[in-house]
PDB file of N, CA and C in Angstrom:
ATOM      1  N   MET A   1      76.864 105.847 119.939  1.00  0.00           N
ATOM      2  CA  MET A   1      78.572 105.329 119.088  1.00  0.00           C
ATOM      3  C   MET A   1      77.696 104.507 118.573  1.00  0.00           C
ATOM      4  N   ASN A   2      78.137 104.355 116.905  1.00  0.00           N
ATOM      5  CA  ASN A   2      77.841 103.961 116.020  1.00  0.00           C
ATOM      6  C   ASN A   2      78.485 102.197 116.018  1.00  0.00           C
ATOM      7  N   LYS A   3      78.012 101.824 115.147  1.00  0.00           N
ATOM      8  CA  LYS A   3      78.789 100.540 115.377  1.00  0.00           C
ATOM      9  C   LYS A   3      80.093 100.511 115.059  1.00  0.00           C
ATOM     10  N   ARG A   4      80.964 100.818 114.146  1.00  0.00           N
ATOM     11  CA  ARG A   4      82.124 101.457 113.288  1.00  0.00           C
ATOM     12  C   ARG A   4      82.700 102.081 114.865  1.00  0.00           C
ATOM     13  N   GLU A   5      82.685 102.776 115.237  1.00  0.00           N
ATOM     14  CA  GLU A   5      83.240 103.582 117.253  1.00  0.00           C
ATOM     15  C   GLU A   5      83.629 102.333 117.716  1.00  0.00           C
ATOM     16  N   PHE A   6      82.262 102.192 117.953  1.00  0.00           N
ATOM     17  CA  PHE A   6      82.063 100.009 119.362  1.00  0.00           C
ATOM     18  C   PHE A   6      83.245  99.497 118.414  1.00  0.00           C
ATOM     19  N   ALA A   7      83.234  99.290 117.090  1.00  0.00           N
ATOM     20  CA  ALA A   7      84.335  98.323 116.184  1.00  0.00           C
ATOM     21  C   ALA A   7      85.715  98.379 116.636  1.00  0.00           C
ATOM     22  N   MET A   8      85.892  99.756 116.359  1.00  0.00           N
ATOM     23  CA  MET A   8      87.393 100.629 116.520  1.00  0.00           C
ATOM     24  C   MET A   8      87.962 100.553 118.103  1.00  0.00           C
ATOM     25  N   LEU A   9      86.792 100.234 119.430  1.00  0.00           N
ATOM     26  CA  LEU A   9      87.136 100.326 120.360  1.00  0.00           C
ATOM     27  C   LEU A   9      87.748  98.595 121.059  1.00  0.00           C
ATOM     28  N   GLU A  10      86.556  98.345 120.757  1.00  0.00           N
ATOM     29  CA  GLU A  10      87.166  96.802 120.900  1.00  0.00           C
ATOM     30  C   GLU A  10      88.534  96.322 119.452  1.00  0.00           C
ATOM     31  N   LYS A  11      89.019  96.460 118.639  1.00  0.00           N
ATOM     32  CA  LYS A  11      89.934  96.275 117.955  1.00  0.00           C
ATOM     33  C   LYS A  11      91.531  96.258 119.559  1.00  0.00           C
ATOM     34  N   ALA A  12      91.334  98.142 119.555  1.00  0.00           N
ATOM     35  CA  ALA A  12      91.883  98.721 120.329  1.00  0.00           C
ATOM     36  C   ALA A  12      92.177  97.827 121.691  1.00  0.00           C
ATOM     37  N   PHE A  13      90.988  97.412 122.513  1.00  0.00           N
ATOM     38  CA  PHE A  13      90.968  97.095 123.113  1.00  0.00           C
ATOM     39  C   PHE A  13      91.791  95.350 123.527  1.00  0.00           C
ATOM     40  N   GLU A  14      91.158  94.996 122.319  1.00  0.00           N
ATOM     41  CA  GLU A  14      91.852  93.819 122.276  1.00  0.00           C
ATOM     42  C   GLU A  14      93.300  93.347 122.458  1.00  0.00           C
ATOM     43  N   ALA A  15      93.844  94.663 121.203  1.00  0.00           N
ATOM     44  CA  ALA A  15      95.291  94.426 121.131  1.00  0.00           C
ATOM     45  C   ALA A  15      95.704  94.819 122.276  1.00  0.00           C
ATOM     46  N   GLU A  16      95.460  95.429 123.434  1.00  0.00           N
ATOM     47  CA  GLU A  16      95.701  96.519 124.278  1.00  0.00           C
ATOM     48  C   GLU A  16      96.210  94.725 125.194  1.00  0.00           C
ATOM     49  N   VAL A  17      95.243  93.798 125.422  1.00  0.00           N
ATOM     50  CA  VAL A  17      94.810  92.615 126.591  1.00  0.00           C
ATOM     51  C   VAL A  17      95.856  91.814 125.668  1.00  0.00           C
ATOM     52  N   ASN A  18      96.039  91.688 124.123  1.00  0.00           N
ATOM     53  CA  ASN A  18      96.803  90.671 123.352  1.00  0.00           C
ATOM     54  C   ASN A  18      98.757  90.868 124.095  1.00  0.00           C
ATOM     55  N   GLY A  19      98.889  92.435 123.332  1.00  0.00           N
ATOM     56  CA  GLY A  19      99.870  93.082 123.967  1.00  0.00           C
ATOM     57  C   GLY A  19     100.575  92.807 125.851  1.00  0.00           C
ATOM     58  N   ALA A  20      99.543  92.896 125.936  1.00  0.00           N
ATOM     59  CA  ALA A  20      99.743  92.171 128.056  1.00  0.00           C
ATOM     60  C   ALA A  20      99.958  90.894 127.989  1.00  0.00           C
ATOM     61  N   LEU A  21      99.049  90.242 127.363  1.00  0.00           N
ATOM     62  CA  LEU A  21      99.493  88.994 127.839  1.00  0.00           C
ATOM     63  C   LEU A  21     100.748  88.568 127.097  1.00  0.00           C
ATOM     64  N   SER A  22     101.333  88.940 126.170  1.00  0.00           N
ATOM     65  CA  SER A  22     102.053  88.448 125.280  1.00  0.00           C
ATOM     66  C   SER A  22     103.399  88.531 125.082  1.00  0.00           C
ATOM     67  N   ARG A  23     103.263  89.939 126.143  1.00  0.00           N
ATOM     68  CA  ARG A  23     104.576  91.120 126.652  1.00  0.00           C
ATOM     69  C   ARG A  23     105.618  90.941 125.521  1.00  0.00           C
ATOM     70  N   SER A  24     104.667  91.977 124.152  1.00  0.00           N
ATOM     71  CA  SER A  24     105.429  92.320 123.643  1.00  0.00           C
ATOM     72  C   SER A  24     105.363  93.892 123.769  1.00  0.00           C
ATOM     73  N   GLY A  25     104.662  94.123 124.047  1.00  0.00           N
ATOM     74  CA  GLY A  25     104.866  95.285 124.126  1.00  0.00           C
ATOM     75  C   GLY A  25     104.464  96.490 123.687  1.00  0.00           C
ATOM     76  N   LEU A  26     103.480  96.185 122.444  1.00  0.00           N
ATOM     77  CA  LEU A  26     102.668  96.681 121.280  1.00  0.00           C
ATOM     78  C   LEU A  26     101.535  96.147 121.699  1.00  0.00           C
ATOM     79  N   SER A  27     100.833  97.585 121.835  1.00  0.00           N
ATOM     80  CA  SER A  27      99.549  97.158 122.577  1.00  0.00           C
ATOM     81  C   SER A  27      98.580  98.471 121.873  1.00  0.00           C
ATOM     82  N   MET A  28      98.826  98.452 120.293  1.00  0.00           N
ATOM     83  CA  MET A  28      98.244  99.147 119.762  1.00  0.00           C
ATOM     84  C   MET A  28      98.079  98.670 118.062  1.00  0.00           C
ATOM     85  N   ILE A  29      96.626  99.164 117.471  1.00  0.00           N
ATOM     86  CA  ILE A  29      96.601  99.462 116.480  1.00  0.00           C
ATOM     87  C   ILE A  29      96.423  99.463 115.285  1.00  0.00           C
ATOM     88  N   GLN A  30      96.830  99.995 113.982  1.00  0.00           N
ATOM     89  CA  GLN A  30      97.176  99.966 113.261  1.00  0.00           C
ATOM     90  C   GLN A  30      96.018 100.387 112.120  1.00  0.00           C
ATOM     91  N   THR A  31      95.908 101.584 111.185  1.00  0.00           N
ATOM     92  CA  THR A  31      94.948 101.704 110.470  1.00  0.00           C
ATOM     93  C   THR A  31      94.641 103.263 110.324  1.00  0.00           C
ATOM     94  N   THR A  32      94.182 103.379 108.880  1.00  0.00           N
ATOM     95  CA  THR A  32      94.182 104.218 108.256  1.00  0.00           C
ATOM     96  C   THR A  32      92.519 104.378 107.965  1.00  0.00           C
ATOM     97  N   SER A  33      91.831 104.548 109.221  1.00  0.00           N
ATOM     98  CA  SER A  33      90.474 105.012 109.422  1.00  0.00           C
ATOM     99  C   SER A  33      90.108 106.000 109.721  1.00  0.00           C
ATOM    100  N   LYS A  34      88.914 106.895 108.888  1.00  0.00           N
ATOM    101  CA  LYS A  34      88.618 108.119 109.550  1.00  0.00           C
ATOM    102  C   LYS A  34      87.734 108.018 110.865  1.00  0.00           C
ATOM    103  N   THR A  35      87.340 106.951 111.318  1.00  0.00           N
ATOM    104  CA  THR A  35      86.565 105.931 112.446  1.00  0.00           C
ATOM    105  C   THR A  35      87.605 106.185 113.524  1.00  0.00           C
ATOM    106  N   ALA A  36      89.413 106.096 113.421  1.00  0.00           N
ATOM    107  CA  ALA A  36      90.161 106.054 114.480  1.00  0.00           C
ATOM    108  C   ALA A  36      90.845 107.357 114.444  1.00  0.00           C
ATOM    109  N   GLU A  37      89.889 108.227 113.662  1.00  0.00           N
ATOM    110  CA  GLU A  37      90.406 109.700 113.418  1.00  0.00           C
ATOM    111  C   GLU A  37      89.273 110.425 114.526  1.00  0.00           C
ATOM    112  N   LYS A  38      87.977 110.541 114.029  1.00  0.00           N
ATOM    113  CA  LYS A  38      87.211 110.770 115.031  1.00  0.00           C
ATOM    114  C   LYS A  38      87.437 110.236 116.453  1.00  0.00           C
ATOM    115  N   LEU A  39      88.157 109.288 116.619  1.00  0.00           N
ATOM    116  CA  LEU A  39      88.240 108.587 117.948  1.00  0.00           C
ATOM    117  C   LEU A  39      88.484 109.238 118.559  1.00  0.00           C
ATOM    118  N   VAL A  40      90.449 109.889 118.425  1.00  0.00           N
ATOM    119  CA  VAL A  40      91.610 110.433 118.286  1.00  0.00           C
ATOM    120  C   VAL A  40      90.284 111.870 118.787  1.00  0.00           C
ATOM    121  N   ALA A  41      89.897 112.428 118.139  1.00  0.00           N
ATOM    122  CA  ALA A  41      89.298 113.750 118.229  1.00  0.00           C
ATOM    123  C   ALA A  41      88.373 113.876 119.235  1.00  0.00           C
ATOM    124  N   ASP A  42      87.907 113.067 119.480  1.00  0.00           N
ATOM    125  CA  ASP A  42      86.970 112.899 121.123  1.00  0.00           C
ATOM    126  C   ASP A  42      87.252 112.088 122.177  1.00  0.00           C
ATOM    127  N   GLY A  43      88.842 112.207 121.860  1.00  0.00           N
ATOM    128  CA  GLY A  43      89.815 112.243 122.752  1.00  0.00           C
ATOM    129  C   GLY A  43      89.801 109.773 123.693  1.00  0.00           C
ATOM    130  N   LEU A  44      88.958 109.565 122.355  1.00  0.00           N
ATOM    131  CA  LEU A  44      88.570 107.801 123.054  1.00  0.00           C
ATOM    132  C   LEU A  44      89.711 106.957 122.611  1.00  0.00           C
ATOM    133  N   LEU A  45      90.725 107.923 121.482  1.00  0.00           N
ATOM    134  CA  LEU A  45      92.008 106.917 121.469  1.00  0.00           C
ATOM    135  C   LEU A  45      93.291 107.814 121.090  1.00  0.00           C
ATOM    136  N   LYS A  46      94.715 107.638 121.270  1.00  0.00           N
ATOM    137  CA  LYS A  46      95.758 108.370 120.835  1.00  0.00           C
ATOM    138  C   LYS A  46      96.731 108.040 120.200  1.00  0.00           C
ATOM    139  N   ARG A  47      97.390 109.117 119.171  1.00  0.00           N
ATOM    140  CA  ARG A  47      98.410 107.657 118.712  1.00  0.00           C
ATOM    141  C   ARG A  47      99.638 108.062 119.289  1.00  0.00           C
ATOM    142  N   ALA A  48     100.154 106.337 118.741  1.00  0.00           N
ATOM    143  CA  ALA A  48     101.252 106.032 119.741  1.00  0.00           C
ATOM    144  C   ALA A  48     102.498 105.784 118.516  1.00  0.00           C
ATOM    145  N   ASP A  49     103.517 105.926 119.232  1.00  0.00           N
ATOM    146  CA  ASP A  49     104.636 105.276 118.494  1.00  0.00           C
ATOM    147  C   ASP A  49     105.240 104.858 119.074  1.00  0.00           C
ATOM    148  N   ARG A  50     106.083 103.488 118.544  1.00  0.00           N
ATOM    149  CA  ARG A  50     106.954 103.070 119.305  1.00  0.00           C
ATOM    150  C   ARG A  50     108.056 102.581 118.370  1.00  0.00           C
ATOM    151  N   LEU A  51     108.941 101.993 119.702  1.00  0.00           N
ATOM    152  CA  LEU A  51     110.411 102.190 118.941  1.00  0.00           C
ATOM    153  C   LEU A  51     111.248 100.871 118.381  1.00  0.00           C
ATOM    154  N   ILE A  52     111.433  99.752 118.106  1.00  0.00           N
ATOM    155  CA  ILE A  52     111.573  98.429 118.325  1.00  0.00           C
ATOM    156  C   ILE A  52     113.015  98.049 117.982  1.00  0.00           C
ATOM    157  N   GLY A  53     113.714  97.648 118.942  1.00  0.00           N
ATOM    158  CA  GLY A  53     115.328  98.191 119.154  1.00  0.00           C
ATOM    159  C   GLY A  53     115.408  97.039 118.613  1.00  0.00           C
ATOM    160  N   GLY A  54     117.025  96.451 118.629  1.00  0.00           N
ATOM    161  CA  GLY A  54     117.668  95.789 118.013  1.00  0.00           C
ATOM    162  C   GLY A  54     119.036  96.323 116.846  1.00  0.00           C
ATOM    163  N   ILE A  55     119.323  95.154 116.164  1.00  0.00           N
ATOM    164  CA  ILE A  55     119.785  95.503 114.557  1.00  0.00           C
ATOM    165  C   ILE A  55     119.503  96.692 113.402  1.00  0.00           C
ATOM    166  N   HIS A  56     117.927  96.004 113.486  1.00  0.00           N
ATOM    167  CA  HIS A  56     117.903  97.333 112.659  1.00  0.00           C
ATOM    168  C   HIS A  56     116.123  97.894 112.908  1.00  0.00           C
ATOM    169  N   PRO A  57     117.176  98.793 114.128  1.00  0.00           N
ATOM    170  CA  PRO A  57     115.256  99.040 114.772  1.00  0.00           C
ATOM    171  C   PRO A  57     114.083 100.074 113.568  1.00  0.00           C
ATOM    172  N   VAL A  58     113.092  99.521 114.335  1.00  0.00           N
ATOM    173  CA  VAL A  58     111.594  99.797 113.347  1.00  0.00           C
ATOM    174  C   VAL A  58     110.894 100.570 113.948  1.00  0.00           C
ATOM    175  N   GLN A  59     110.358 101.797 113.454  1.00  0.00           N
ATOM    176  CA  GLN A  59     109.493 102.459 114.404  1.00  0.00           C
ATOM    177  C   GLN A  59     107.982 101.957 114.647  1.00  0.00           C
ATOM    178  N   VAL A  60     107.235 101.995 114.919  1.00  0.00           N
ATOM    179  CA  VAL A  60     105.649 101.476 114.698  1.00  0.00           C
ATOM    180  C   VAL A  60     104.669 102.474 114.995  1.00  0.00           C
ATOM    181  N   SER A  61     104.178 102.742 114.226  1.00  0.00           N
ATOM    182  CA  SER A  61     102.764 103.788 114.772  1.00  0.00           C
ATOM    183  C   SER A  61     101.595 103.424 114.772  1.00  0.00           C
ATOM    184  N   GLY A  62     100.545 104.204 115.503  1.00  0.00           N
ATOM    185  CA  GLY A  62      98.998 103.636 115.560  1.00  0.00           C
ATOM    186  C   GLY A  62      98.619 104.340 116.388  1.00  0.00           C
ATOM    187  N   PHE A  63      97.251 103.785 117.132  1.00  0.00           N
ATOM    188  CA  PHE A  63      96.433 104.026 118.407  1.00  0.00           C
ATOM    189  C   PHE A  63      96.466 103.135 119.259  1.00  0.00           C
ATOM    190  N   GLU A  64      96.198 103.930 120.261  1.00  0.00           N
ATOM    191  CA  GLU A  64      96.006 103.458 121.329  1.00  0.00           C
ATOM    192  C   GLU A  64      94.676 103.327 122.069  1.00  0.00           C
ATOM    193  N   LEU A  65      94.580 102.728 123.458  1.00  0.00           N
ATOM    194  CA  LEU A  65      93.079 103.533 123.902  1.00  0.00           C
ATOM    195  C   LEU A  65      93.651 105.241 125.250  1.00  0.00           C
ATOM    196  N   THR A  66      92.907 104.986 124.932  1.00  0.00           N
ATOM    197  CA  THR A  66      92.463 106.604 126.451  1.00  0.00           C
ATOM    198  C   THR A  66      92.527 105.604 127.169  1.00  0.00           C
ATOM    199  N   HIS A  67      92.139 106.775 128.365  1.00  0.00           N
ATOM    200  CA  HIS A  67      91.783 105.827 129.945  1.00  0.00           C
ATOM    201  C   HIS A  67      90.134 106.021 129.745  1.00  0.00           C
ATOM    202  N   ALA A  68      89.762 106.949 128.772  1.00  0.00           N
ATOM    203  CA  ALA A  68      88.419 107.203 128.789  1.00  0.00           C
ATOM    204  C   ALA A  68      87.669 106.830 127.780  1.00  0.00           C
ATOM    205  N   GLY A  69      88.455 106.124 126.823  1.00  0.00           N
ATOM    206  CA  GLY A  69      88.120 105.211 125.483  1.00  0.00           C
ATOM    207  C   GLY A  69      87.984 104.035 126.280  1.00  0.00           C
ATOM    208  N   ARG A  70      88.514 103.079 127.682  1.00  0.00           N
ATOM    209  CA  ARG A  70      88.745 102.278 127.401  1.00  0.00           C
ATOM    210  C   ARG A  70      87.673 101.830 128.555  1.00  0.00           C
ATOM    211  N   LEU A  71      87.650 103.438 129.294  1.00  0.00           N
ATOM    212  CA  LEU A  71      85.671 103.516 130.354  1.00  0.00           C
ATOM    213  C   LEU A  71      85.389 103.013 129.236  1.00  0.00           C
ATOM    214  N   LEU A  72      84.892 103.661 128.571  1.00  0.00           N
ATOM    215  CA  LEU A  72      83.673 103.311 127.818  1.00  0.00           C
ATOM    216  C   LEU A  72      83.437 102.622 127.599  1.00  0.00           C
ATOM    217  N   TYR A  73      83.886 102.639 127.170  1.00  0.00           N
ATOM    218  CA  TYR A  73      83.990 100.618 126.090  1.00  0.00           C
ATOM    219  C   TYR A  73      83.853  99.702 127.295  1.00  0.00           C
ATOM    220  N   CYS A  74      84.597 100.057 128.302  1.00  0.00           N
ATOM    221  CA  CYS A  74      84.036  98.741 129.137  1.00  0.00           C
ATOM    222  C   CYS A  74      82.553  98.642 129.569  1.00  0.00           C
ATOM    223  N   ALA A  75      82.502 100.418 129.921  1.00  0.00           N
ATOM    224  CA  ALA A  75      80.867 100.435 130.367  1.00  0.00           C
ATOM    225  C   ALA A  75      79.746  99.938 128.804  1.00  0.00           C
ATOM    226  N   MET A  76      80.396 100.426 127.963  1.00  0.00           N
ATOM    227  CA  MET A  76      79.040  99.626 126.811  1.00  0.00           C
ATOM    228  C   MET A  76      79.041  98.378 126.773  1.00  0.00           C
ATOM    229  N   CYS A  77      80.088  97.922 127.560  1.00  0.00           N
ATOM    230  CA  CYS A  77      80.270  96.118 127.457  1.00  0.00           C
ATOM    231  C   CYS A  77      78.834  95.654 128.415  1.00  0.00           C
ATOM    232  N   ASP A  78      78.795  96.526 129.348  1.00  0.00           N
ATOM    233  CA  ASP A  78      78.113  95.440 130.938  1.00  0.00           C
ATOM    234  C   ASP A  78      76.610  95.932 130.124  1.00  0.00           C
ATOM    235  N   ALA A  79      76.129  96.970 129.453  1.00  0.00           N
ATOM    236  CA  ALA A  79      75.194  97.064 128.706  1.00  0.00           C
ATOM    237  C   ALA A  79      74.430  96.149 127.694  1.00  0.00           C
TER     238      ALA A  79
END
């Protein structure tokens, strides 16, 4: 895993933690990076869509960590 891939996993993990702490329900990153597409192909990220309701609902698309991505990120932090 190179630095860009690790940084992308780190951003996704940070978004997951911030989403949980803020209780917003948005625990994804938004990017058009080819690195994200590679991580999806590797099974470390997955595409995610959320509908934010209200008077004018908005659909938000992005990427979330998979269990494998979370496990790999946490394992690499210990090393």
